[in-house]
């Protein structure tokens, strides 16, 4: 599954980047580094079915929409991780663009 774009939208909507007086507190490079690191951490959590880390990273109103149009709420993803419903052989991104 590719979560990068949705992850970035979710993280931004959750307020990862603080905005003060109409301008970002973090520089563009800092923001990109934060989003990239969280995406990498999230992908590892998905691979390991680490529901606690996924819960910490995902916004409460996060919704994943797959390429086939199926939707999963945050709680759906956490439930699947806790049940270890899916075993991933490979979850790492070969290329990451923020």
PDB file of N, CA and C in Angstrom:
ATOM      1  N   UNK A   1       0.837  -1.189   0.000  1.00  0.00           N
ATOM      2  CA  UNK A   1       0.000   0.000   0.000  1.00  0.00           C
ATOM      3  C   UNK A   1       0.871   1.238   0.000  1.00  0.00           C
ATOM      4  N   UNK A   2       0.431   2.210  -0.697  1.00  0.00           N
ATOM      5  CA  UNK A   2       1.187   3.448  -0.752  1.00  0.00           C
ATOM      6  C   UNK A   2       0.414   4.505   0.031  1.00  0.00           C
ATOM      7  N   UNK A   3       0.985   4.939   1.134  1.00  0.00           N
ATOM      8  CA  UNK A   3       0.294   5.867   2.042  1.00  0.00           C
ATOM      9  C   UNK A   3       0.907   7.263   2.012  1.00  0.00           C
ATOM     10  N   UNK A   4       1.980   7.460   1.280  1.00  0.00           N
ATOM     11  CA  UNK A   4       2.765   8.683   1.404  1.00  0.00           C
ATOM     12  C   UNK A   4       1.946   9.957   1.249  1.00  0.00           C
ATOM     13  N   UNK A   5       1.184  10.066   0.166  1.00  0.00           N
ATOM     14  CA  UNK A   5       0.426  11.299  -0.061  1.00  0.00           C
ATOM     15  C   UNK A   5      -0.644  11.459   0.997  1.00  0.00           C
ATOM     16  N   UNK A   6      -1.374  10.389   1.275  1.00  0.00           N
ATOM     17  CA  UNK A   6      -2.412  10.472   2.298  1.00  0.00           C
ATOM     18  C   UNK A   6      -1.823  10.752   3.665  1.00  0.00           C
ATOM     19  N   UNK A   7      -0.665  10.162   3.922  1.00  0.00           N
ATOM     20  CA  UNK A   7       0.003  10.389   5.198  1.00  0.00           C
ATOM     21  C   UNK A   7       0.349  11.867   5.341  1.00  0.00           C
ATOM     22  N   UNK A   8       0.903  12.468   4.290  1.00  0.00           N
ATOM     23  CA  UNK A   8       1.292  13.862   4.375  1.00  0.00           C
ATOM     24  C   UNK A   8       0.069  14.739   4.640  1.00  0.00           C
ATOM     25  N   UNK A   9      -1.020  14.492   3.937  1.00  0.00           N
ATOM     26  CA  UNK A   9      -2.242  15.269   4.153  1.00  0.00           C
ATOM     27  C   UNK A   9      -2.730  15.088   5.579  1.00  0.00           C
ATOM     28  N   UNK A  10      -2.715  13.858   6.059  1.00  0.00           N
ATOM     29  CA  UNK A  10      -3.165  13.572   7.414  1.00  0.00           C
ATOM     30  C   UNK A  10      -2.304  14.291   8.449  1.00  0.00           C
ATOM     31  N   UNK A  11      -0.998  14.227   8.259  1.00  0.00           N
ATOM     32  CA  UNK A  11      -0.093  14.856   9.216  1.00  0.00           C
ATOM     33  C   UNK A  11      -0.259  16.366   9.235  1.00  0.00           C
ATOM     34  N   UNK A  12      -0.411  16.941   8.062  1.00  0.00           N
ATOM     35  CA  UNK A  12      -0.588  18.387   8.007  1.00  0.00           C
ATOM     36  C   UNK A  12      -1.909  18.792   8.644  1.00  0.00           C
ATOM     37  N   UNK A  13      -2.962  18.012   8.387  1.00  0.00           N
ATOM     38  CA  UNK A  13      -4.257  18.354   8.972  1.00  0.00           C
ATOM     39  C   UNK A  13      -4.250  18.145  10.485  1.00  0.00           C
ATOM     40  N   UNK A  14      -3.385  17.270  10.962  1.00  0.00           N
ATOM     41  CA  UNK A  14      -3.296  17.025  12.400  1.00  0.00           C
ATOM     42  C   UNK A  14      -2.486  18.100  13.105  1.00  0.00           C
ATOM     43  N   UNK A  15      -1.887  18.993  12.348  1.00  0.00           N
ATOM     44  CA  UNK A  15      -1.163  20.098  12.962  1.00  0.00           C
ATOM     45  C   UNK A  15       0.283  19.802  13.267  1.00  0.00           C
ATOM     46  N   UNK A  16       0.908  18.920  12.498  1.00  0.00           N
ATOM     47  CA  UNK A  16       2.317  18.635  12.722  1.00  0.00           C
ATOM     48  C   UNK A  16       3.147  19.890  12.498  1.00  0.00           C
ATOM     49  N   UNK A  17       2.766  20.665  11.523  1.00  0.00           N
ATOM     50  CA  UNK A  17       3.481  21.904  11.240  1.00  0.00           C
ATOM     51  C   UNK A  17       2.727  23.067  11.869  1.00  0.00           C
ATOM     52  N   UNK A  18       3.350  23.735  12.784  1.00  0.00           N
ATOM     53  CA  UNK A  18       2.706  24.866  13.454  1.00  0.00           C
ATOM     54  C   UNK A  18       2.733  26.090  12.551  1.00  0.00           C
ATOM     55  N   UNK A  19       1.664  26.851  12.596  1.00  0.00           N
ATOM     56  CA  UNK A  19       1.603  28.072  11.816  1.00  0.00           C
ATOM     57  C   UNK A  19       1.407  29.223  12.792  1.00  0.00           C
ATOM     58  N   UNK A  20       2.256  30.221  12.629  1.00  0.00           N
ATOM     59  CA  UNK A  20       2.202  31.367  13.525  1.00  0.00           C
ATOM     60  C   UNK A  20       2.159  32.633  12.685  1.00  0.00           C
ATOM     61  N   UNK A  21       1.135  33.447  12.879  1.00  0.00           N
ATOM     62  CA  UNK A  21       0.971  34.709  12.161  1.00  0.00           C
ATOM     63  C   UNK A  21       1.016  34.516  10.651  1.00  0.00           C
ATOM     64  N   UNK A  22       0.389  33.455  10.174  1.00  0.00           N
ATOM     65  CA  UNK A  22       0.302  33.238   8.741  1.00  0.00           C
ATOM     66  C   UNK A  22       1.545  32.653   8.103  1.00  0.00           C
ATOM     67  N   UNK A  23       2.571  32.345   8.863  1.00  0.00           N
ATOM     68  CA  UNK A  23       3.763  31.750   8.259  1.00  0.00           C
ATOM     69  C   UNK A  23       4.177  30.530   9.054  1.00  0.00           C
ATOM     70  N   UNK A  24       4.799  29.607   8.380  1.00  0.00           N
ATOM     71  CA  UNK A  24       5.202  28.357   9.003  1.00  0.00           C
ATOM     72  C   UNK A  24       6.372  28.601   9.935  1.00  0.00           C
ATOM     73  N   UNK A  25       6.326  27.965  11.113  1.00  0.00           N
ATOM     74  CA  UNK A  25       7.422  28.068  12.067  1.00  0.00           C
ATOM     75  C   UNK A  25       8.619  27.271  11.560  1.00  0.00           C
ATOM     76  N   UNK A  26       8.360  26.134  10.942  1.00  0.00           N
ATOM     77  CA  UNK A  26       9.431  25.287  10.420  1.00  0.00           C
ATOM     78  C   UNK A  26       9.765  25.713   8.995  1.00  0.00           C
ATOM     79  N   UNK A  27      11.032  25.602   8.622  1.00  0.00           N
ATOM     80  CA  UNK A  27      11.415  25.889   7.242  1.00  0.00           C
ATOM     81  C   UNK A  27      10.895  24.780   6.353  1.00  0.00           C
ATOM     82  N   UNK A  28      10.896  25.006   5.045  1.00  0.00           N
ATOM     83  CA  UNK A  28      10.439  23.976   4.110  1.00  0.00           C
ATOM     84  C   UNK A  28      11.244  22.695   4.268  1.00  0.00           C
ATOM     85  N   UNK A  29      12.555  22.809   4.435  1.00  0.00           N
ATOM     86  CA  UNK A  29      13.394  21.623   4.598  1.00  0.00           C
ATOM     87  C   UNK A  29      13.069  20.893   5.884  1.00  0.00           C
ATOM     88  N   UNK A  30      12.833  21.631   6.966  1.00  0.00           N
ATOM     89  CA  UNK A  30      12.448  21.008   8.234  1.00  0.00           C
ATOM     90  C   UNK A  30      11.126  20.276   8.080  1.00  0.00           C
ATOM     91  N   UNK A  31      10.176  20.918   7.414  1.00  0.00           N
ATOM     92  CA  UNK A  31       8.859  20.319   7.214  1.00  0.00           C
ATOM     93  C   UNK A  31       8.972  19.041   6.387  1.00  0.00           C
ATOM     94  N   UNK A  32       9.748  19.092   5.324  1.00  0.00           N
ATOM     95  CA  UNK A  32       9.931  17.910   4.481  1.00  0.00           C
ATOM     96  C   UNK A  32      10.594  16.788   5.269  1.00  0.00           C
ATOM     97  N   UNK A  33      11.564  17.132   6.091  1.00  0.00           N
ATOM     98  CA  UNK A  33      12.244  16.128   6.911  1.00  0.00           C
ATOM     99  C   UNK A  33      11.312  15.488   7.915  1.00  0.00           C
ATOM    100  N   UNK A  34      10.446  16.291   8.522  1.00  0.00           N
ATOM    101  CA  UNK A  34       9.479  15.780   9.498  1.00  0.00           C
ATOM    102  C   UNK A  34       8.506  14.816   8.817  1.00  0.00           C
ATOM    103  N   UNK A  35       7.955  15.230   7.688  1.00  0.00           N
ATOM    104  CA  UNK A  35       6.992  14.395   6.973  1.00  0.00           C
ATOM    105  C   UNK A  35       7.659  13.112   6.484  1.00  0.00           C
ATOM    106  N   UNK A  36       8.876  13.216   5.936  1.00  0.00           N
ATOM    107  CA  UNK A  36       9.598  12.030   5.450  1.00  0.00           C
ATOM    108  C   UNK A  36       9.870  11.055   6.596  1.00  0.00           C
ATOM    109  N   UNK A  37      10.315  11.562   7.734  1.00  0.00           N
ATOM    110  CA  UNK A  37      10.628  10.703   8.877  1.00  0.00           C
ATOM    111  C   UNK A  37       9.366  10.026   9.408  1.00  0.00           C
ATOM    112  N   UNK A  38       8.262  10.773   9.491  1.00  0.00           N
ATOM    113  CA  UNK A  38       7.009  10.181   9.964  1.00  0.00           C
ATOM    114  C   UNK A  38       6.486   9.136   8.987  1.00  0.00           C
ATOM    115  N   UNK A  39       6.636   9.391   7.698  1.00  0.00           N
ATOM    116  CA  UNK A  39       6.203   8.411   6.700  1.00  0.00           C
ATOM    117  C   UNK A  39       7.020   7.130   6.819  1.00  0.00           C
ATOM    118  N   UNK A  40       8.327   7.256   6.969  1.00  0.00           N
ATOM    119  CA  UNK A  40       9.198   6.088   7.125  1.00  0.00           C
ATOM    120  C   UNK A  40       8.835   5.318   8.393  1.00  0.00           C
ATOM    121  N   UNK A  41       8.620   6.049   9.484  1.00  0.00           N
ATOM    122  CA  UNK A  41       8.248   5.414  10.744  1.00  0.00           C
ATOM    123  C   UNK A  41       6.895   4.704  10.622  1.00  0.00           C
ATOM    124  N   UNK A  42       5.955   5.354   9.933  1.00  0.00           N
ATOM    125  CA  UNK A  42       4.636   4.762   9.752  1.00  0.00           C
ATOM    126  C   UNK A  42       4.711   3.491   8.907  1.00  0.00           C
ATOM    127  N   UNK A  43       5.463   3.533   7.817  1.00  0.00           N
ATOM    128  CA  UNK A  43       5.579   2.354   6.953  1.00  0.00           C
ATOM    129  C   UNK A  43       6.155   1.163   7.727  1.00  0.00           C
ATOM    130  N   UNK A  44       7.134   1.423   8.585  1.00  0.00           N
ATOM    131  CA  UNK A  44       7.703   0.353   9.412  1.00  0.00           C
ATOM    132  C   UNK A  44       6.662  -0.164  10.407  1.00  0.00           C
ATOM    133  N   UNK A  45       5.875   0.741  10.976  1.00  0.00           N
ATOM    134  CA  UNK A  45       4.825   0.333  11.918  1.00  0.00           C
ATOM    135  C   UNK A  45       3.788  -0.541  11.215  1.00  0.00           C
ATOM    136  N   UNK A  46       3.414  -0.190   9.988  1.00  0.00           N
ATOM    137  CA  UNK A  46       2.463  -1.002   9.221  1.00  0.00           C
ATOM    138  C   UNK A  46       3.053  -2.382   8.983  1.00  0.00           C
ATOM    139  N   UNK A  47       4.305  -2.429   8.555  1.00  0.00           N
ATOM    140  CA  UNK A  47       4.966  -3.714   8.282  1.00  0.00           C
ATOM    141  C   UNK A  47       4.982  -4.601   9.527  1.00  0.00           C
ATOM    142  N   UNK A  48       5.199  -3.993  10.684  1.00  0.00           N
ATOM    143  CA  UNK A  48       5.308  -4.748  11.939  1.00  0.00           C
ATOM    144  C   UNK A  48       3.981  -4.871  12.694  1.00  0.00           C
ATOM    145  N   UNK A  49       2.890  -4.402  12.093  1.00  0.00           N
ATOM    146  CA  UNK A  49       1.584  -4.391  12.769  1.00  0.00           C
ATOM    147  C   UNK A  49       1.683  -3.730  14.145  1.00  0.00           C
ATOM    148  N   UNK A  50       2.391  -2.618  14.203  1.00  0.00           N
ATOM    149  CA  UNK A  50       2.620  -1.867  15.433  1.00  0.00           C
ATOM    150  C   UNK A  50       1.503  -0.828  15.596  1.00  0.00           C
ATOM    151  N   UNK A  51       0.385  -1.266  16.170  1.00  0.00           N
ATOM    152  CA  UNK A  51      -0.796  -0.412  16.301  1.00  0.00           C
ATOM    153  C   UNK A  51      -0.533   0.826  17.151  1.00  0.00           C
ATOM    154  N   UNK A  52       0.308   0.707  18.161  1.00  0.00           N
ATOM    155  CA  UNK A  52       0.577   1.861  19.039  1.00  0.00           C
ATOM    156  C   UNK A  52       1.255   2.986  18.263  1.00  0.00           C
ATOM    157  N   UNK A  53       2.226   2.657  17.439  1.00  0.00           N
ATOM    158  CA  UNK A  53       2.911   3.685  16.645  1.00  0.00           C
ATOM    159  C   UNK A  53       1.979   4.240  15.582  1.00  0.00           C
ATOM    160  N   UNK A  54       1.217   3.383  14.934  1.00  0.00           N
ATOM    161  CA  UNK A  54       0.254   3.848  13.934  1.00  0.00           C
ATOM    162  C   UNK A  54      -0.750   4.805  14.567  1.00  0.00           C
ATOM    163  N   UNK A  55      -1.223   4.471  15.761  1.00  0.00           N
ATOM    164  CA  UNK A  55      -2.187   5.302  16.476  1.00  0.00           C
ATOM    165  C   UNK A  55      -1.602   6.674  16.794  1.00  0.00           C
ATOM    166  N   UNK A  56      -0.338   6.699  17.185  1.00  0.00           N
ATOM    167  CA  UNK A  56       0.324   7.958  17.517  1.00  0.00           C
ATOM    168  C   UNK A  56       0.500   8.847  16.289  1.00  0.00           C
ATOM    169  N   UNK A  57       0.775   8.258  15.145  1.00  0.00           N
ATOM    170  CA  UNK A  57       1.084   9.036  13.944  1.00  0.00           C
ATOM    171  C   UNK A  57      -0.169   9.488  13.202  1.00  0.00           C
ATOM    172  N   UNK A  58      -1.161   8.631  13.084  1.00  0.00           N
ATOM    173  CA  UNK A  58      -2.341   8.962  12.286  1.00  0.00           C
ATOM    174  C   UNK A  58      -3.266   9.939  13.004  1.00  0.00           C
ATOM    175  N   UNK A  59      -3.818  10.861  12.237  1.00  0.00           N
ATOM    176  CA  UNK A  59      -4.830  11.772  12.762  1.00  0.00           C
ATOM    177  C   UNK A  59      -6.096  10.971  13.058  1.00  0.00           C
ATOM    178  N   UNK A  60      -6.870  11.400  14.042  1.00  0.00           N
ATOM    179  CA  UNK A  60      -8.086  10.680  14.414  1.00  0.00           C
ATOM    180  C   UNK A  60      -9.082  10.584  13.258  1.00  0.00           C
ATOM    181  N   UNK A  61      -9.085  11.577  12.366  1.00  0.00           N
ATOM    182  CA  UNK A  61     -10.027  11.562  11.239  1.00  0.00           C
ATOM    183  C   UNK A  61      -9.386  11.042   9.947  1.00  0.00           C
ATOM    184  N   UNK A  62      -8.246  10.363  10.063  1.00  0.00           N
ATOM    185  CA  UNK A  62      -7.552   9.809   8.904  1.00  0.00           C
ATOM    186  C   UNK A  62      -8.439   8.806   8.176  1.00  0.00           C
ATOM    187  N   UNK A  63      -8.438   8.895   6.848  1.00  0.00           N
ATOM    188  CA  UNK A  63      -9.140   7.932   6.008  1.00  0.00           C
ATOM    189  C   UNK A  63      -8.215   7.564   4.858  1.00  0.00           C
ATOM    190  N   UNK A  64      -7.980   6.268   4.691  1.00  0.00           N
ATOM    191  CA  UNK A  64      -7.187   5.759   3.578  1.00  0.00           C
ATOM    192  C   UNK A  64      -8.150   5.377   2.474  1.00  0.00           C
ATOM    193  N   UNK A  65      -7.894   5.855   1.257  1.00  0.00           N
ATOM    194  CA  UNK A  65      -8.676   5.472   0.091  1.00  0.00           C
ATOM    195  C   UNK A  65      -7.732   4.713  -0.826  1.00  0.00           C
ATOM    196  N   UNK A  66      -8.043   3.438  -1.085  1.00  0.00           N
ATOM    197  CA  UNK A  66      -7.179   2.624  -1.935  1.00  0.00           C
ATOM    198  C   UNK A  66      -7.392   2.968  -3.403  1.00  0.00           C
ATOM    199  N   UNK A  67      -6.548   2.430  -4.246  1.00  0.00           N
ATOM    200  CA  UNK A  67      -6.666   2.645  -5.680  1.00  0.00           C
ATOM    201  C   UNK A  67      -7.965   2.102  -6.249  1.00  0.00           C
ATOM    202  N   UNK A  68      -8.589   1.188  -5.549  1.00  0.00           N
ATOM    203  CA  UNK A  68      -9.873   0.624  -5.985  1.00  0.00           C
ATOM    204  C   UNK A  68     -11.064   1.333  -5.360  1.00  0.00           C
ATOM    205  N   UNK A  69     -10.814   2.382  -4.594  1.00  0.00           N
ATOM    206  CA  UNK A  69     -11.891   3.170  -4.011  1.00  0.00           C
ATOM    207  C   UNK A  69     -12.376   2.692  -2.662  1.00  0.00           C
ATOM    208  N   UNK A  70     -11.798   1.640  -2.114  1.00  0.00           N
ATOM    209  CA  UNK A  70     -12.198   1.162  -0.783  1.00  0.00           C
ATOM    210  C   UNK A  70     -11.615   2.100   0.268  1.00  0.00           C
ATOM    211  N   UNK A  71     -12.385   2.383   1.296  1.00  0.00           N
ATOM    212  CA  UNK A  71     -11.917   3.292   2.340  1.00  0.00           C
ATOM    213  C   UNK A  71     -11.715   2.546   3.653  1.00  0.00           C
ATOM    214  N   UNK A  72     -10.727   3.028   4.404  1.00  0.00           N
ATOM    215  CA  UNK A  72     -10.426   2.491   5.725  1.00  0.00           C
ATOM    216  C   UNK A  72     -10.213   3.668   6.664  1.00  0.00           C
ATOM    217  N   UNK A  73     -10.944   3.687   7.764  1.00  0.00           N
ATOM    218  CA  UNK A  73     -10.746   4.703   8.797  1.00  0.00           C
ATOM    219  C   UNK A  73      -9.551   4.298   9.659  1.00  0.00           C
ATOM    220  N   UNK A  74      -9.065   5.230  10.443  1.00  0.00           N
ATOM    221  CA  UNK A  74      -7.942   4.955  11.337  1.00  0.00           C
ATOM    222  C   UNK A  74      -8.219   3.720  12.186  1.00  0.00           C
ATOM    223  N   UNK A  75      -9.403   3.643  12.760  1.00  0.00           N
ATOM    224  CA  UNK A  75      -9.729   2.521  13.649  1.00  0.00           C
ATOM    225  C   UNK A  75      -9.711   1.188  12.906  1.00  0.00           C
ATOM    226  N   UNK A  76     -10.094   1.186  11.623  1.00  0.00           N
ATOM    227  CA  UNK A  76     -10.028  -0.039  10.811  1.00  0.00           C
ATOM    228  C   UNK A  76      -8.582  -0.520  10.691  1.00  0.00           C
ATOM    229  N   UNK A  77      -7.682   0.408  10.415  1.00  0.00           N
ATOM    230  CA  UNK A  77      -6.271   0.062  10.262  1.00  0.00           C
ATOM    231  C   UNK A  77      -5.676  -0.434  11.580  1.00  0.00           C
ATOM    232  N   UNK A  78      -6.044   0.218  12.681  1.00  0.00           N
ATOM    233  CA  UNK A  78      -5.531  -0.198  13.992  1.00  0.00           C
ATOM    234  C   UNK A  78      -6.076  -1.572  14.378  1.00  0.00           C
ATOM    235  N   UNK A  79      -7.340  -1.811  14.089  1.00  0.00           N
ATOM    236  CA  UNK A  79      -7.955  -3.109  14.391  1.00  0.00           C
ATOM    237  C   UNK A  79      -7.240  -4.222  13.615  1.00  0.00           C
ATOM    238  N   UNK A  80      -6.980  -3.985  12.327  1.00  0.00           N
ATOM    239  CA  UNK A  80      -6.274  -4.976  11.510  1.00  0.00           C
ATOM    240  C   UNK A  80      -4.865  -5.221  12.032  1.00  0.00           C
ATOM    241  N   UNK A  81      -4.187  -4.158  12.448  1.00  0.00           N
ATOM    242  CA  UNK A  81      -2.822  -4.304  12.973  1.00  0.00           C
ATOM    243  C   UNK A  81      -2.826  -5.104  14.275  1.00  0.00           C
ATOM    244  N   UNK A  82      -3.761  -4.793  15.162  1.00  0.00           N
ATOM    245  CA  UNK A  82      -3.838  -5.518  16.440  1.00  0.00           C
ATOM    246  C   UNK A  82      -4.131  -7.009  16.228  1.00  0.00           C
ATOM    247  N   UNK A  83      -4.956  -7.299  15.235  1.00  0.00           N
ATOM    248  CA  UNK A  83      -5.314  -8.690  14.935  1.00  0.00           C
ATOM    249  C   UNK A  83      -4.235  -9.372  14.089  1.00  0.00           C
ATOM    250  N   UNK A  84      -3.257  -8.579  13.659  1.00  0.00           N
ATOM    251  CA  UNK A  84      -2.202  -9.093  12.765  1.00  0.00           C
ATOM    252  C   UNK A  84      -2.831  -9.781  11.558  1.00  0.00           C
ATOM    253  N   UNK A  85      -3.865  -9.128  11.023  1.00  0.00           N
ATOM    254  CA  UNK A  85      -4.629  -9.665   9.904  1.00  0.00           C
ATOM    255  C   UNK A  85      -3.777  -9.802   8.643  1.00  0.00           C
ATOM    256  N   UNK A  86      -2.840  -8.893   8.461  1.00  0.00           N
ATOM    257  CA  UNK A  86      -1.998  -8.905   7.264  1.00  0.00           C
ATOM    258  C   UNK A  86      -0.543  -9.052   7.663  1.00  0.00           C
ATOM    259  N   UNK A  87       0.169  -9.896   6.932  1.00  0.00           N
ATOM    260  CA  UNK A  87       1.609 -10.035   7.116  1.00  0.00           C
ATOM    261  C   UNK A  87       2.282  -9.487   5.870  1.00  0.00           C
ATOM    262  N   UNK A  88       3.135  -8.497   6.059  1.00  0.00           N
ATOM    263  CA  UNK A  88       3.811  -7.862   4.940  1.00  0.00           C
ATOM    264  C   UNK A  88       5.197  -8.448   4.754  1.00  0.00           C
ATOM    265  N   UNK A  89       5.512  -8.808   3.531  1.00  0.00           N
ATOM    266  CA  UNK A  89       6.861  -9.247   3.209  1.00  0.00           C
ATOM    267  C   UNK A  89       7.738  -8.047   2.878  1.00  0.00           C
ATOM    268  N   UNK A  90       7.104  -7.027   2.311  1.00  0.00           N
ATOM    269  CA  UNK A  90       7.841  -5.818   1.926  1.00  0.00           C
ATOM    270  C   UNK A  90       6.912  -4.630   2.054  1.00  0.00           C
ATOM    271  N   UNK A  91       7.318  -3.622   2.799  1.00  0.00           N
ATOM    272  CA  UNK A  91       6.506  -2.436   2.992  1.00  0.00           C
ATOM    273  C   UNK A  91       7.324  -1.170   2.808  1.00  0.00           C
ATOM    274  N   UNK A  92       8.630  -1.308   2.610  1.00  0.00           N
ATOM    275  CA  UNK A  92       9.494  -0.142   2.488  1.00  0.00           C
ATOM    276  C   UNK A  92       9.297   0.544   1.130  1.00  0.00           C
ATOM    277  N   UNK A  93       9.414   1.854   1.156  1.00  0.00           N
ATOM    278  CA  UNK A  93       9.375   2.641  -0.075  1.00  0.00           C
ATOM    279  C   UNK A  93      10.751   2.585  -0.719  1.00  0.00           C
ATOM    280  N   UNK A  94      10.776   2.351  -2.016  1.00  0.00           N
ATOM    281  CA  UNK A  94      12.052   2.387  -2.727  1.00  0.00           C
ATOM    282  C   UNK A  94      12.446   3.825  -3.034  1.00  0.00           C
ATOM    283  N   UNK A  95      11.458   4.669  -3.180  1.00  0.00           N
ATOM    284  CA  UNK A  95      11.706   6.081  -3.475  1.00  0.00           C
ATOM    285  C   UNK A  95      10.683   6.903  -2.696  1.00  0.00           C
ATOM    286  N   UNK A  96      11.137   7.933  -2.034  1.00  0.00           N
ATOM    287  CA  UNK A  96      10.240   8.764  -1.240  1.00  0.00           C
ATOM    288  C   UNK A  96      10.390  10.202  -1.703  1.00  0.00           C
ATOM    289  N   UNK A  97       9.274  10.840  -2.024  1.00  0.00           N
ATOM    290  CA  UNK A  97       9.280  12.242  -2.425  1.00  0.00           C
ATOM    291  C   UNK A  97       8.330  13.010  -1.530  1.00  0.00           C
ATOM    292  N   UNK A  98       8.810  14.069  -0.928  1.00  0.00           N
ATOM    293  CA  UNK A  98       7.982  14.906  -0.070  1.00  0.00           C
ATOM    294  C   UNK A  98       7.875  16.275  -0.721  1.00  0.00           C
TER     295      UNK A  98
END
